[in-house]
Amino acid sequence: MHPQASDPTSPIPSAPFDDLDLDRPEDEEEWERRVMALAAARIAAERVRLERLGIIDANGDLVSRELPPDMRPESDTTVETG
């Protein structure tokens, strides 16, 4: 029971289940393990991205609570598209 290799160039990991029989407890446990590993990888990647963008610091705390200039009430930006 080995997970299928995902595309190594893909930025999004996968958690295949087509090799599992989810009616079997051991396969259900394996599925849960894969999903949790997938979630952990996605959370870690998102944290790196948010740090790189300067939104959070190394501790995971917000760097600023201010809205970006285009979202402030005095902004001339509009959401109208027509």
N, C-alpha and C. Protein backbone atom coordinates (compact mmCIF):
# COMPACT_ATOMS: atom_id res chain seq x y z
N MET A 1 0.85 -1.18 0.00
CA MET A 1 0.00 0.00 0.00
C MET A 1 0.90 1.24 0.00
N HIS A 2 1.28 1.71 -1.17
CA HIS A 2 2.13 2.88 -1.30
C HIS A 2 1.39 3.96 -2.06
N PRO A 3 1.46 5.22 -1.56
CA PRO A 3 0.80 6.28 -2.31
C PRO A 3 1.45 6.46 -3.66
N GLN A 4 0.65 6.83 -4.63
CA GLN A 4 1.18 7.06 -5.96
C GLN A 4 2.07 8.29 -5.92
N ALA A 5 3.13 8.27 -6.71
CA ALA A 5 4.01 9.42 -6.78
C ALA A 5 3.28 10.56 -7.46
N SER A 6 3.33 11.73 -6.86
CA SER A 6 2.70 12.88 -7.48
C SER A 6 3.71 13.55 -8.41
N ASP A 7 3.24 14.45 -9.23
CA ASP A 7 4.08 15.17 -10.17
C ASP A 7 5.08 16.00 -9.37
N PRO A 8 6.39 15.73 -9.49
CA PRO A 8 7.37 16.46 -8.68
C PRO A 8 7.46 17.94 -9.02
N THR A 9 6.95 18.35 -10.19
CA THR A 9 6.99 19.76 -10.56
C THR A 9 5.75 20.51 -10.09
N SER A 10 4.76 19.81 -9.58
CA SER A 10 3.52 20.44 -9.13
C SER A 10 3.73 21.11 -7.78
N PRO A 11 3.28 22.37 -7.63
CA PRO A 11 3.40 23.04 -6.34
C PRO A 11 2.36 22.55 -5.33
N ILE A 12 1.37 21.81 -5.81
CA ILE A 12 0.32 21.32 -4.91
C ILE A 12 0.47 19.81 -4.76
N PRO A 13 0.77 19.35 -3.54
CA PRO A 13 0.89 17.91 -3.34
C PRO A 13 -0.47 17.23 -3.50
N SER A 14 -0.46 15.92 -3.65
CA SER A 14 -1.72 15.22 -3.81
C SER A 14 -1.86 14.12 -2.76
N ALA A 15 -3.07 13.65 -2.60
CA ALA A 15 -3.36 12.56 -1.67
C ALA A 15 -4.25 11.56 -2.40
N PRO A 16 -3.67 10.76 -3.29
CA PRO A 16 -4.49 9.82 -4.05
C PRO A 16 -5.12 8.76 -3.15
N PHE A 17 -6.24 8.24 -3.58
CA PHE A 17 -6.91 7.19 -2.81
C PHE A 17 -7.40 6.05 -3.68
N ASP A 18 -7.09 6.10 -4.97
CA ASP A 18 -7.60 5.07 -5.86
C ASP A 18 -6.98 3.70 -5.59
N ASP A 19 -5.91 3.64 -4.81
CA ASP A 19 -5.30 2.36 -4.47
C ASP A 19 -5.79 1.85 -3.11
N LEU A 20 -6.76 2.54 -2.51
CA LEU A 20 -7.26 2.18 -1.18
C LEU A 20 -8.69 1.65 -1.25
N ASP A 21 -9.01 0.79 -0.31
CA ASP A 21 -10.38 0.33 -0.12
C ASP A 21 -10.83 0.94 1.20
N LEU A 22 -11.59 2.03 1.12
CA LEU A 22 -11.95 2.79 2.32
C LEU A 22 -12.92 2.06 3.24
N ASP A 23 -13.35 0.86 2.86
CA ASP A 23 -14.16 0.04 3.76
C ASP A 23 -13.28 -0.74 4.73
N ARG A 24 -11.98 -0.76 4.46
CA ARG A 24 -11.04 -1.45 5.36
C ARG A 24 -10.45 -0.42 6.33
N PRO A 25 -10.46 -0.71 7.62
CA PRO A 25 -9.95 0.25 8.62
C PRO A 25 -8.51 0.68 8.37
N GLU A 26 -7.65 -0.24 7.95
CA GLU A 26 -6.24 0.13 7.73
C GLU A 26 -6.09 1.07 6.53
N ASP A 27 -6.94 0.89 5.51
CA ASP A 27 -6.89 1.79 4.36
C ASP A 27 -7.50 3.15 4.73
N GLU A 28 -8.51 3.15 5.55
CA GLU A 28 -9.09 4.41 6.01
C GLU A 28 -8.06 5.20 6.83
N GLU A 29 -7.30 4.51 7.65
CA GLU A 29 -6.23 5.15 8.42
C GLU A 29 -5.15 5.71 7.50
N GLU A 30 -4.82 4.97 6.46
CA GLU A 30 -3.82 5.44 5.49
C GLU A 30 -4.34 6.68 4.76
N TRP A 31 -5.61 6.69 4.40
CA TRP A 31 -6.20 7.85 3.74
C TRP A 31 -6.12 9.07 4.65
N GLU A 32 -6.46 8.89 5.92
CA GLU A 32 -6.39 10.00 6.87
C GLU A 32 -4.94 10.50 7.00
N ARG A 33 -3.98 9.59 7.03
CA ARG A 33 -2.58 9.98 7.12
C ARG A 33 -2.18 10.82 5.90
N ARG A 34 -2.61 10.38 4.72
CA ARG A 34 -2.28 11.11 3.49
C ARG A 34 -2.90 12.50 3.48
N VAL A 35 -4.17 12.58 3.91
CA VAL A 35 -4.86 13.87 3.92
C VAL A 35 -4.18 14.82 4.91
N MET A 36 -3.81 14.31 6.08
CA MET A 36 -3.14 15.15 7.07
C MET A 36 -1.76 15.60 6.57
N ALA A 37 -1.04 14.74 5.87
CA ALA A 37 0.25 15.11 5.30
C ALA A 37 0.05 16.18 4.23
N LEU A 38 -0.98 16.03 3.42
CA LEU A 38 -1.30 17.01 2.40
C LEU A 38 -1.62 18.36 3.04
N ALA A 39 -2.44 18.35 4.08
CA ALA A 39 -2.81 19.58 4.77
C ALA A 39 -1.58 20.26 5.36
N ALA A 40 -0.71 19.48 5.99
CA ALA A 40 0.50 20.05 6.59
C ALA A 40 1.39 20.68 5.52
N ALA A 41 1.53 20.04 4.37
CA ALA A 41 2.35 20.58 3.29
C ALA A 41 1.76 21.88 2.75
N ARG A 42 0.45 21.92 2.60
CA ARG A 42 -0.19 23.13 2.08
C ARG A 42 -0.09 24.28 3.09
N ILE A 43 -0.26 23.98 4.37
CA ILE A 43 -0.14 25.02 5.40
C ILE A 43 1.27 25.57 5.43
N ALA A 44 2.27 24.69 5.36
CA ALA A 44 3.66 25.13 5.37
C ALA A 44 3.97 26.00 4.15
N ALA A 45 3.49 25.61 2.98
CA ALA A 45 3.73 26.39 1.77
C ALA A 45 3.05 27.75 1.86
N GLU A 46 1.86 27.80 2.39
CA GLU A 46 1.15 29.07 2.51
C GLU A 46 1.84 29.99 3.51
N ARG A 47 2.35 29.42 4.59
CA ARG A 47 3.07 30.23 5.57
C ARG A 47 4.31 30.87 4.94
N VAL A 48 5.06 30.09 4.16
CA VAL A 48 6.24 30.62 3.46
C VAL A 48 5.82 31.75 2.52
N ARG A 49 4.73 31.55 1.79
CA ARG A 49 4.25 32.57 0.86
C ARG A 49 3.87 33.85 1.59
N LEU A 50 3.14 33.73 2.70
CA LEU A 50 2.73 34.91 3.46
C LEU A 50 3.92 35.65 4.07
N GLU A 51 4.93 34.90 4.51
CA GLU A 51 6.15 35.54 5.01
C GLU A 51 6.86 36.27 3.88
N ARG A 52 6.98 35.62 2.73
CA ARG A 52 7.67 36.22 1.58
C ARG A 52 6.97 37.51 1.15
N LEU A 53 5.64 37.55 1.24
CA LEU A 53 4.88 38.74 0.87
C LEU A 53 4.93 39.83 1.94
N GLY A 54 5.49 39.50 3.11
CA GLY A 54 5.58 40.48 4.19
C GLY A 54 4.28 40.65 4.96
N ILE A 55 3.38 39.69 4.85
CA ILE A 55 2.09 39.77 5.55
C ILE A 55 2.23 39.28 6.99
N ILE A 56 3.04 38.23 7.19
CA ILE A 56 3.30 37.73 8.54
C ILE A 56 4.81 37.69 8.77
N ASP A 57 5.19 37.68 10.06
CA ASP A 57 6.61 37.57 10.39
C ASP A 57 6.97 36.11 10.65
N ALA A 58 8.18 35.86 11.08
CA ALA A 58 8.66 34.50 11.30
C ALA A 58 7.88 33.76 12.39
N ASN A 59 7.20 34.52 13.27
CA ASN A 59 6.38 33.91 14.32
C ASN A 59 4.95 33.66 13.88
N GLY A 60 4.61 34.09 12.68
CA GLY A 60 3.25 33.93 12.17
C GLY A 60 2.33 35.08 12.55
N ASP A 61 2.90 36.14 13.13
CA ASP A 61 2.10 37.30 13.51
C ASP A 61 1.97 38.27 12.34
N LEU A 62 0.81 38.95 12.26
CA LEU A 62 0.61 39.95 11.22
C LEU A 62 1.64 41.06 11.37
N VAL A 63 2.19 41.50 10.24
CA VAL A 63 3.17 42.58 10.26
C VAL A 63 2.45 43.91 10.44
N SER A 64 1.28 44.06 9.84
CA SER A 64 0.52 45.30 9.93
C SER A 64 -0.97 44.97 9.93
N ARG A 65 -1.72 45.80 10.59
CA ARG A 65 -3.17 45.65 10.59
C ARG A 65 -3.84 46.71 9.72
N GLU A 66 -3.04 47.52 9.03
CA GLU A 66 -3.59 48.55 8.16
C GLU A 66 -4.05 47.94 6.84
N LEU A 67 -5.09 48.53 6.29
CA LEU A 67 -5.57 48.11 4.97
C LEU A 67 -4.62 48.64 3.91
N PRO A 68 -4.48 47.92 2.80
CA PRO A 68 -3.69 48.46 1.69
C PRO A 68 -4.34 49.75 1.18
N PRO A 69 -3.56 50.63 0.56
CA PRO A 69 -4.11 51.92 0.11
C PRO A 69 -5.36 51.81 -0.75
N ASP A 70 -5.45 50.81 -1.62
CA ASP A 70 -6.62 50.72 -2.51
C ASP A 70 -7.87 50.22 -1.80
N MET A 71 -7.77 49.81 -0.54
CA MET A 71 -8.94 49.32 0.20
C MET A 71 -9.41 50.32 1.26
N ARG A 72 -8.72 51.42 1.41
CA ARG A 72 -9.09 52.42 2.42
C ARG A 72 -10.28 53.23 1.93
N PRO A 73 -11.10 53.73 2.88
CA PRO A 73 -12.30 54.49 2.50
C PRO A 73 -12.02 55.68 1.58
N GLU A 74 -10.88 56.33 1.75
CA GLU A 74 -10.57 57.52 0.94
C GLU A 74 -10.02 57.18 -0.44
N SER A 75 -9.88 55.90 -0.76
CA SER A 75 -9.33 55.49 -2.04
C SER A 75 -10.31 55.80 -3.18
N ASP A 76 -9.77 56.14 -4.33
CA ASP A 76 -10.59 56.37 -5.52
C ASP A 76 -10.89 55.08 -6.28
N THR A 77 -10.37 53.98 -5.79
CA THR A 77 -10.59 52.69 -6.44
C THR A 77 -12.07 52.33 -6.33
N THR A 78 -12.57 51.69 -7.36
CA THR A 78 -13.98 51.29 -7.39
C THR A 78 -14.09 49.80 -7.69
N VAL A 79 -15.20 49.23 -7.29
CA VAL A 79 -15.47 47.83 -7.62
C VAL A 79 -16.42 47.72 -8.79
N GLU A 80 -16.86 48.86 -9.31
CA GLU A 80 -17.76 48.86 -10.46
C GLU A 80 -16.99 48.45 -11.70
N THR A 81 -17.60 47.57 -12.48
CA THR A 81 -16.92 47.09 -13.69
C THR A 81 -17.56 47.61 -14.98
N GLY A 82 -18.69 48.28 -14.86
CA GLY A 82 -19.38 48.71 -16.07
C GLY A 82 -19.42 50.13 -16.16
